[in-house]
Amino acid sequence: MVATLEKPTAHELLPGIRVVDADTHVSEWYDLWTSRAPARFRDRVPQVRDVGGRWDWVIDGQTLNREGASSAIRKDGSKTLGMDFRDLQLADVHPGAYDLKSRLAFMDREGIAAQIAYPNLLGFGGQKSMLLDAELRNLSMTIFNDAMAEMQADSGNRIYPMTMVPWWDVDLAVKEAERCAAMGLRGINMNSDPHVHGLPHLGDPHWYPLWEACSSLGLPVNFHIGASDESMTWFGAGLWPGHPDEVKLAYGSLMLFVGNMRVLANILLTRVLERFPALKIVSVESGAGWVPFFLEALEYQMREAAFEYRDSPKDIFRRQIYICSWFERDNIVHTARKIGIDNLMFETDFPHPTCLYPDSFHYMESAIEAMTVEERGKIFGGNAQRLYNLDLSQVPF
């Protein structure tokens, strides 16, 4: 059994700070959909079946091929490296990946007050929903959001799943954002490239009703890396041929960060954030070190292209865009001060393959020591509490 208490916890390294982990994932339990679906849909909603002698996720008869438990943390506390995590089932992994009571116990041991949570099965941006017909995909997403709202409430408002919106229909997306906000959910999780499916790009007026709703409801719009068919591949586009899987995985994981650079460039160049100055955007699991270069390069190239702007990308970023970082420690303090201390949030990515586990906060100890008390408070909790409107006063540490 791997002991996580041998190293300092967040509570010990960050005394007085209610730490918020700004990117974690929920491993969907096997009856999440079947236990809630109407009888006529029960055989079609996402579920686990025996496929060729192993349990696998099936959606409307289509096998998703070794999706497993979407966790790299084993039941004994050890961490699986490489692609072997795809063979793990729920019975093999840390129960905190899918079981609420175990998750809260894990958070208590780590000294984490709250977590922002994202999905797995339907895609980080809901892109796998397109495997289903419109009626079934709408139902599947509604069921998922209902289950996540229950999880948030049952956690005592310590786990905050982000709403999955039916982005294939902007009117339905607005209604679902409103419905889930009424249930207490605190943000939406958005597909970054709906134009791949024949819809307008996200800067088009087609999406203005959704941006208006999110602005008025105070719902941040979260873009997780790999949140579309265009951007999601474990092995990445452009990889030279002939590499073994471990090289492909390292390359693909790196290139996912670049995918969110592309998303933010398009958002800033479409000027949609100038039109909606109250709209908040979050780049999730993308890291932060590239942001100072990105903003300087974008402003320079816009000038050279004679592309005038009312508000500079740097100003818009500080006003409306947030970045999540986890493994960066060598230069993260400099990066945070460069992009804005108010715009950076800490994450662990639990329980995914590249997550900071075990000893997440011990890993960050040198960076924590280099921060001021104010910087620690904002990066490790305050920024997320403000952005997602979290009240953690009842958390007992």
Protein backbone atom coordinates (compact mmCIF):
# COMPACT_ATOMS: atom_id res chain seq x y z
CA MET A 1 0.00 0.00 0.00
CA VAL A 2 1.44 3.38 -0.98
CA ALA A 3 1.25 5.77 1.97
CA THR A 4 0.48 9.37 1.12
CA LEU A 5 0.92 10.61 4.67
CA GLU A 6 4.70 10.11 4.77
CA LYS A 7 5.12 13.37 2.85
CA PRO A 8 3.64 16.78 3.72
CA THR A 9 0.02 17.28 2.80
CA ALA A 10 -1.55 20.41 1.36
CA HIS A 11 -2.83 21.27 4.81
CA GLU A 12 0.70 21.11 6.23
CA LEU A 13 2.42 22.98 3.40
CA LEU A 14 -0.33 25.55 2.93
CA PRO A 15 -1.64 26.29 6.44
CA GLY A 16 -4.72 28.46 6.56
CA ILE A 17 -5.52 27.88 2.87
CA ARG A 18 -8.57 25.94 1.77
CA VAL A 19 -7.00 24.21 -1.20
CA VAL A 20 -9.03 23.73 -4.37
CA ASP A 21 -7.86 21.16 -6.91
CA ALA A 22 -9.01 22.80 -10.15
CA ASP A 23 -8.95 19.72 -12.38
CA THR A 24 -9.86 16.18 -11.37
CA HIS A 25 -11.93 13.49 -13.06
CA VAL A 26 -14.80 11.26 -12.06
CA SER A 27 -14.55 7.67 -13.23
CA GLU A 28 -18.11 6.93 -14.23
CA TRP A 29 -19.53 4.03 -12.22
CA TYR A 30 -20.98 1.21 -14.24
CA ASP A 31 -24.68 1.83 -13.59
CA LEU A 32 -24.57 5.63 -13.73
CA TRP A 33 -26.81 5.70 -16.81
CA THR A 34 -28.69 2.40 -16.63
CA SER A 35 -29.93 3.09 -13.10
CA ARG A 36 -31.51 6.37 -14.22
CA ALA A 37 -32.63 5.71 -17.79
CA PRO A 38 -36.27 5.15 -18.80
CA ALA A 39 -36.94 1.48 -19.60
CA ARG A 40 -37.03 1.96 -23.38
CA PHE A 41 -33.51 3.45 -23.35
CA ARG A 42 -31.92 1.18 -20.76
CA ASP A 43 -30.24 -1.10 -23.31
CA ARG A 44 -28.91 1.85 -25.31
CA VAL A 45 -27.46 4.31 -22.80
CA PRO A 46 -23.75 4.03 -21.86
CA GLN A 47 -23.17 0.82 -19.93
CA VAL A 48 -20.60 -1.88 -19.27
CA ARG A 49 -20.92 -5.29 -20.92
CA ASP A 50 -18.85 -8.42 -21.39
CA VAL A 51 -17.17 -7.92 -24.77
CA GLY A 52 -14.98 -10.83 -25.80
CA GLY A 53 -14.30 -11.88 -22.23
CA ARG A 54 -13.66 -8.45 -20.71
CA TRP A 55 -15.90 -5.74 -19.36
CA ASP A 56 -16.05 -2.75 -21.63
CA TRP A 57 -18.12 0.39 -22.09
CA VAL A 58 -20.75 0.14 -24.80
CA ILE A 59 -22.84 3.02 -26.14
CA ASP A 60 -25.92 2.12 -28.17
CA GLY A 61 -24.30 -1.15 -29.17
CA GLN A 62 -20.94 0.40 -30.05
CA THR A 63 -17.89 -0.76 -28.06
CA LEU A 64 -15.49 1.99 -26.95
CA ASN A 65 -12.47 -0.35 -26.85
CA ARG A 66 -10.69 -0.65 -23.52
CA GLU A 67 -11.92 2.51 -21.88
CA GLY A 68 -11.80 0.75 -18.51
CA ALA A 69 -11.95 2.88 -15.38
CA SER A 70 -10.11 5.96 -16.71
CA SER A 71 -7.79 5.83 -13.70
CA ALA A 72 -4.08 5.15 -13.40
CA ILE A 73 -4.16 4.78 -9.61
CA ARG A 74 -4.48 1.16 -8.57
CA LYS A 75 -6.51 -0.13 -5.66
CA ASP A 76 -3.34 -0.69 -3.62
CA GLY A 77 -2.34 2.97 -4.08
CA SER A 78 0.36 2.35 -6.68
CA LYS A 79 0.38 4.26 -9.95
CA THR A 80 0.31 2.66 -13.40
CA LEU A 81 2.60 4.26 -15.96
CA GLY A 82 2.28 4.22 -19.72
CA MET A 83 -0.84 2.95 -21.48
CA ASP A 84 -1.50 0.00 -19.15
CA PHE A 85 -4.15 2.06 -17.33
CA ARG A 86 -6.55 1.31 -20.19
CA ASP A 87 -6.76 -2.30 -19.02
CA LEU A 88 -7.85 -1.39 -15.49
CA GLN A 89 -11.47 -1.85 -14.43
CA LEU A 90 -13.22 -0.18 -11.49
CA ALA A 91 -12.41 -3.14 -9.25
CA ASP A 92 -8.72 -2.58 -9.98
CA VAL A 93 -8.45 1.13 -9.19
CA HIS A 94 -8.42 3.50 -6.24
CA PRO A 95 -12.05 3.70 -5.06
CA GLY A 96 -11.71 7.46 -4.80
CA ALA A 97 -11.90 7.53 -8.60
CA TYR A 98 -15.59 6.61 -8.54
CA ASP A 99 -16.88 6.25 -4.97
CA LEU A 100 -17.88 9.45 -3.20
CA LYS A 101 -17.12 8.35 0.37
CA SER A 102 -13.65 7.14 -0.65
CA ARG A 103 -13.07 10.30 -2.64
CA LEU A 104 -13.82 12.53 0.32
CA ALA A 105 -11.59 10.42 2.58
CA PHE A 106 -8.77 10.81 0.05
CA MET A 107 -9.30 14.57 -0.08
CA ASP A 108 -9.20 14.76 3.71
CA ARG A 109 -5.91 12.84 3.84
CA GLU A 110 -4.39 15.09 1.17
CA GLY A 111 -5.69 18.27 2.79
CA ILE A 112 -7.85 19.27 -0.20
CA ALA A 113 -10.95 21.28 0.63
CA ALA A 114 -12.65 21.03 -2.77
CA GLN A 115 -12.24 19.68 -6.28
CA ILE A 116 -13.46 20.80 -9.68
CA ALA A 117 -14.39 17.63 -11.59
CA TYR A 118 -14.60 16.65 -15.25
CA PRO A 119 -15.96 13.59 -17.10
CA ASN A 120 -14.27 10.79 -18.99
CA LEU A 121 -16.58 8.50 -20.91
CA LEU A 122 -18.42 10.92 -23.21
CA GLY A 123 -15.22 12.79 -23.95
CA PHE A 124 -13.70 15.76 -22.12
CA GLY A 125 -15.85 18.00 -24.31
CA GLY A 126 -18.74 15.59 -24.82
CA GLN A 127 -17.54 14.68 -28.30
CA LYS A 128 -18.34 10.97 -27.97
CA SER A 129 -21.99 11.89 -27.58
CA MET A 130 -22.02 12.24 -31.34
CA LEU A 131 -21.94 8.43 -31.55
CA LEU A 132 -25.59 8.56 -30.48
CA ASP A 133 -28.74 9.83 -32.13
CA ALA A 134 -30.02 13.20 -30.96
CA GLU A 135 -32.66 11.88 -28.54
CA LEU A 136 -30.28 9.40 -26.90
CA ARG A 137 -27.38 11.85 -26.65
CA ASN A 138 -29.61 14.48 -25.04
CA LEU A 139 -30.88 11.93 -22.52
CA SER A 140 -27.38 10.61 -21.79
CA MET A 141 -26.06 14.08 -21.06
CA THR A 142 -29.05 15.00 -18.89
CA ILE A 143 -28.62 11.82 -16.86
CA PHE A 144 -24.92 12.54 -16.42
CA ASN A 145 -25.59 16.08 -15.19
CA ASP A 146 -28.25 14.87 -12.77
CA ALA A 147 -25.80 12.35 -11.34
CA MET A 148 -23.12 15.01 -11.00
CA ALA A 149 -25.50 17.41 -9.26
CA GLU A 150 -26.31 14.62 -6.79
CA MET A 151 -22.60 14.00 -6.25
CA GLN A 152 -21.99 17.69 -5.54
CA ALA A 153 -24.83 17.85 -3.03
CA ASP A 154 -23.89 14.56 -1.36
CA SER A 155 -20.27 15.71 -1.06
CA GLY A 156 -21.40 18.63 1.09
CA ASN A 157 -20.39 20.95 -1.77
CA ARG A 158 -16.78 19.84 -1.84
CA ILE A 159 -16.79 18.22 -5.30
CA TYR A 160 -17.94 20.49 -8.12
CA PRO A 161 -18.54 18.71 -11.44
CA MET A 162 -18.84 20.97 -14.46
CA THR A 163 -22.05 20.85 -16.50
CA MET A 164 -21.88 18.97 -19.79
CA VAL A 165 -23.92 21.01 -22.26
CA PRO A 166 -25.56 19.64 -25.43
CA TRP A 167 -23.46 21.91 -27.65
CA TRP A 168 -24.93 20.40 -30.83
CA ASP A 169 -28.06 22.52 -30.17
CA VAL A 170 -27.37 25.99 -28.79
CA ASP A 171 -30.92 26.45 -27.49
CA LEU A 172 -30.72 23.15 -25.60
CA ALA A 173 -27.26 24.13 -24.36
CA VAL A 174 -28.65 27.35 -22.87
CA LYS A 175 -31.53 25.50 -21.23
CA GLU A 176 -29.23 22.86 -19.76
CA ALA A 177 -26.83 25.50 -18.44
CA GLU A 178 -29.75 27.25 -16.78
CA ARG A 179 -31.17 23.99 -15.42
CA CYS A 180 -27.88 22.85 -13.97
CA ALA A 181 -27.10 26.27 -12.52
CA ALA A 182 -30.43 26.03 -10.69
CA MET A 183 -29.23 22.69 -9.27
CA GLY A 184 -26.08 24.38 -8.00
CA LEU A 185 -23.50 23.41 -10.63
CA ARG A 186 -20.88 26.14 -11.07
CA GLY A 187 -19.63 26.08 -14.66
CA ILE A 188 -19.99 24.43 -18.06
CA ASN A 189 -17.65 22.08 -19.88
CA MET A 190 -17.53 22.99 -23.57
CA ASN A 191 -16.47 21.29 -26.78
CA SER A 192 -13.74 23.42 -28.34
CA ASP A 193 -14.41 22.58 -31.99
CA PRO A 194 -18.13 22.22 -32.80
CA HIS A 195 -17.37 23.34 -36.36
CA VAL A 196 -15.96 19.83 -36.94
CA HIS A 197 -19.58 18.68 -36.78
CA GLY A 198 -20.90 21.30 -39.19
CA LEU A 199 -21.76 23.97 -36.60
CA PRO A 200 -20.43 27.55 -36.61
CA HIS A 201 -17.14 28.20 -34.80
CA LEU A 202 -17.35 29.48 -31.25
CA GLY A 203 -16.82 33.12 -32.20
CA ASP A 204 -19.87 33.15 -34.43
CA PRO A 205 -23.06 34.98 -33.32
CA HIS A 206 -24.72 31.54 -33.29
CA TRP A 207 -23.20 31.06 -29.83
CA TYR A 208 -24.03 34.46 -28.38
CA PRO A 209 -27.10 33.17 -26.47
CA LEU A 210 -24.89 30.67 -24.64
CA TRP A 211 -22.21 33.23 -23.84
CA GLU A 212 -24.90 35.63 -22.63
CA ALA A 213 -26.41 32.95 -20.40
CA CYS A 214 -23.04 31.98 -18.93
CA SER A 215 -22.20 35.63 -18.34
CA SER A 216 -25.45 36.37 -16.56
CA LEU A 217 -25.38 33.14 -14.54
CA GLY A 218 -21.72 33.52 -13.58
CA LEU A 219 -20.80 30.17 -15.16
CA PRO A 220 -17.18 29.90 -16.35
CA VAL A 221 -16.75 28.15 -19.70
CA ASN A 222 -14.15 25.41 -19.31
CA PHE A 223 -12.10 24.04 -22.20
CA HIS A 224 -10.34 20.88 -21.09
CA ILE A 225 -7.46 19.71 -23.27
CA GLY A 226 -8.64 17.09 -25.74
CA ALA A 227 -12.17 18.50 -25.67
CA SER A 228 -13.06 17.73 -29.30
CA ASP A 229 -12.67 15.15 -32.02
CA GLU A 230 -10.11 17.44 -33.65
CA SER A 231 -7.88 17.72 -30.59
CA MET A 232 -8.22 14.38 -28.79
CA THR A 233 -5.72 11.65 -29.54
CA TRP A 234 -3.48 9.93 -27.02
CA PHE A 235 -0.67 9.78 -29.55
CA GLY A 236 -1.02 13.23 -31.12
CA ALA A 237 -1.06 14.42 -34.71
CA GLY A 238 2.24 14.94 -36.50
CA LEU A 239 4.20 12.23 -34.71
CA TRP A 240 7.09 10.77 -36.70
CA PRO A 241 6.47 7.13 -37.59
CA GLY A 242 8.00 4.13 -35.89
CA HIS A 243 7.98 5.20 -32.26
CA PRO A 244 6.97 2.78 -29.48
CA ASP A 245 3.81 3.44 -27.51
CA GLU A 246 5.55 5.09 -24.54
CA VAL A 247 7.11 7.68 -26.88
CA LYS A 248 3.77 8.18 -28.60
CA LEU A 249 2.06 8.76 -25.24
CA ALA A 250 4.65 11.33 -24.13
CA TYR A 251 4.37 13.13 -27.46
CA GLY A 252 0.58 13.06 -27.52
CA SER A 253 0.32 14.35 -23.94
CA LEU A 254 2.64 17.24 -24.83
CA MET A 255 0.75 18.16 -27.97
CA LEU A 256 -2.56 18.32 -26.11
CA PHE A 257 -1.24 21.50 -24.47
CA VAL A 258 -0.67 23.00 -27.91
CA GLY A 259 -4.28 22.22 -28.73
CA ASN A 260 -5.46 24.63 -26.06
CA MET A 261 -3.07 27.29 -27.32
CA ARG A 262 -4.92 26.95 -30.60
CA VAL A 263 -8.30 27.27 -28.84
CA LEU A 264 -7.31 30.42 -26.94
CA ALA A 265 -5.81 31.98 -30.08
CA ASN A 266 -9.08 31.50 -31.93
CA ILE A 267 -11.13 32.84 -29.02
CA LEU A 268 -9.00 35.96 -28.73
CA LEU A 269 -8.84 36.56 -32.48
CA THR A 270 -12.61 36.29 -32.88
CA ARG A 271 -12.98 39.12 -30.33
CA VAL A 272 -15.87 37.36 -28.62
CA LEU A 273 -14.48 38.21 -25.17
CA GLU A 274 -14.60 41.91 -26.01
CA ARG A 275 -18.30 41.53 -26.73
CA PHE A 276 -18.87 39.58 -23.50
CA PRO A 277 -16.53 41.16 -20.93
CA ALA A 278 -18.14 39.27 -18.02
CA LEU A 279 -17.59 35.85 -19.64
CA LYS A 280 -14.87 33.76 -17.96
CA ILE A 281 -12.84 31.17 -19.88
CA VAL A 282 -10.74 28.40 -18.31
CA SER A 283 -7.98 26.47 -20.08
CA VAL A 284 -7.95 23.19 -18.15
CA GLU A 285 -4.94 20.86 -17.83
CA SER A 286 -3.00 22.88 -20.38
CA GLY A 287 -0.14 24.07 -18.19
CA ALA A 288 0.91 27.70 -18.01
CA GLY A 289 4.53 28.17 -19.06
CA TRP A 290 3.62 28.84 -22.69
CA VAL A 291 1.18 31.65 -21.88
CA PRO A 292 3.62 34.62 -21.61
CA PHE A 293 5.18 33.72 -24.97
CA PHE A 294 1.74 33.10 -26.49
CA LEU A 295 0.36 36.49 -25.47
CA GLU A 296 3.46 38.40 -26.57
CA ALA A 297 3.56 36.53 -29.88
CA LEU A 298 -0.16 37.04 -30.49
CA GLU A 299 0.00 40.79 -29.93
CA TYR A 300 3.07 41.08 -32.16
CA GLN A 301 1.55 39.06 -34.99
CA MET A 302 -1.72 40.97 -34.78
CA ARG A 303 0.15 44.24 -35.18
CA GLU A 304 2.17 42.88 -38.10
CA ALA A 305 -1.04 41.67 -39.74
CA ALA A 306 -2.61 45.12 -39.30
CA PHE A 307 -5.28 43.52 -37.11
CA GLU A 308 -6.36 46.26 -34.77
CA TYR A 309 -7.89 45.47 -31.41
CA ARG A 310 -9.74 47.53 -28.85
CA ASP A 311 -8.52 45.58 -25.83
CA SER A 312 -5.11 43.93 -25.97
CA PRO A 313 -4.96 40.12 -25.64
CA LYS A 314 -2.90 40.57 -22.48
CA ASP A 315 -5.56 42.77 -20.91
CA ILE A 316 -8.37 40.42 -21.97
CA PHE A 317 -6.46 37.47 -20.59
CA ARG A 318 -6.04 39.06 -17.17
CA ARG A 319 -9.70 40.07 -17.14
CA GLN A 320 -11.30 36.87 -18.39
CA ILE A 321 -9.04 33.84 -18.87
CA TYR A 322 -7.73 31.33 -16.31
CA ILE A 323 -5.09 28.63 -16.64
CA CYS A 324 -4.65 25.36 -14.72
CA SER A 325 -1.18 23.95 -13.99
CA TRP A 326 0.08 20.88 -12.12
CA PHE A 327 3.56 19.48 -12.93
CA GLU A 328 5.27 22.85 -13.47
CA ARG A 329 7.47 23.90 -10.58
CA ASP A 330 10.83 25.12 -11.91
CA ASN A 331 9.49 28.38 -13.35
CA ILE A 332 5.89 28.45 -12.19
CA VAL A 333 6.36 31.38 -9.81
CA HIS A 334 7.86 33.53 -12.56
CA THR A 335 5.12 32.41 -14.96
CA ALA A 336 2.38 33.22 -12.47
CA ARG A 337 3.71 36.71 -11.89
CA LYS A 338 4.07 37.24 -15.63
CA ILE A 339 0.55 36.21 -16.61
CA GLY A 340 -1.11 37.46 -13.43
CA ILE A 341 -1.33 35.83 -10.01
CA ASP A 342 -5.13 36.09 -10.19
CA ASN A 343 -5.27 33.94 -13.36
CA LEU A 344 -3.52 30.73 -12.32
CA MET A 345 -5.09 27.75 -10.55
CA PHE A 346 -3.46 24.58 -9.24
CA GLU A 347 -4.68 21.12 -10.23
CA THR A 348 -3.59 17.51 -9.74
CA ASP A 349 -5.53 15.76 -12.57
CA PHE A 350 -6.43 12.92 -10.17
CA PRO A 351 -6.72 10.04 -11.07
CA HIS A 352 -5.42 10.28 -14.64
CA PRO A 353 -2.08 8.93 -15.94
CA THR A 354 -0.13 12.19 -15.65
CA CYS A 355 -1.63 13.23 -12.32
CA LEU A 356 0.45 14.43 -9.40
CA TYR A 357 0.17 11.29 -7.34
CA PRO A 358 1.36 10.29 -4.86
CA ASP A 359 2.65 13.16 -2.71
CA SER A 360 1.14 15.85 -4.91
CA PHE A 361 1.98 18.74 -2.63
CA HIS A 362 5.40 17.47 -1.60
CA TYR A 363 6.21 17.55 -5.32
CA MET A 364 5.32 21.27 -5.36
CA GLU A 365 7.16 22.12 -2.14
CA SER A 366 10.00 24.11 -3.75
CA ALA A 367 7.51 26.22 -5.74
CA ILE A 368 5.35 26.80 -2.67
CA GLU A 369 8.38 28.01 -0.73
CA ALA A 370 9.19 30.53 -3.49
CA MET A 371 5.71 32.08 -3.39
CA THR A 372 4.51 34.84 -1.15
CA VAL A 373 1.71 34.04 1.29
CA GLU A 374 -0.72 35.98 -0.91
CA GLU A 375 0.37 34.08 -4.03
CA ARG A 376 -0.07 30.71 -2.33
CA GLY A 377 -3.54 31.65 -1.16
CA LYS A 378 -4.68 32.66 -4.64
CA ILE A 379 -3.07 29.93 -6.74
CA PHE A 380 -3.92 27.03 -4.45
CA GLY A 381 -7.45 28.02 -3.63
CA GLY A 382 -8.53 31.64 -3.67
CA ASN A 383 -8.70 32.07 -7.45
CA ALA A 384 -10.85 28.96 -7.90
CA GLN A 385 -13.10 29.93 -5.00
CA ARG A 386 -13.69 33.34 -6.56
CA LEU A 387 -14.10 32.07 -10.13
CA TYR A 388 -16.53 29.25 -9.31
CA ASN A 389 -18.23 31.07 -6.42
CA LEU A 390 -17.32 28.45 -3.82
CA ASP A 391 -18.13 28.81 -0.14
CA LEU A 392 -15.77 26.51 1.72
CA SER A 393 -16.22 28.04 5.16
CA GLN A 394 -17.72 24.79 6.46
CA VAL A 395 -14.72 22.65 5.46
CA PRO A 396 -13.00 21.87 8.78
CA PHE A 397 -9.44 22.72 7.71
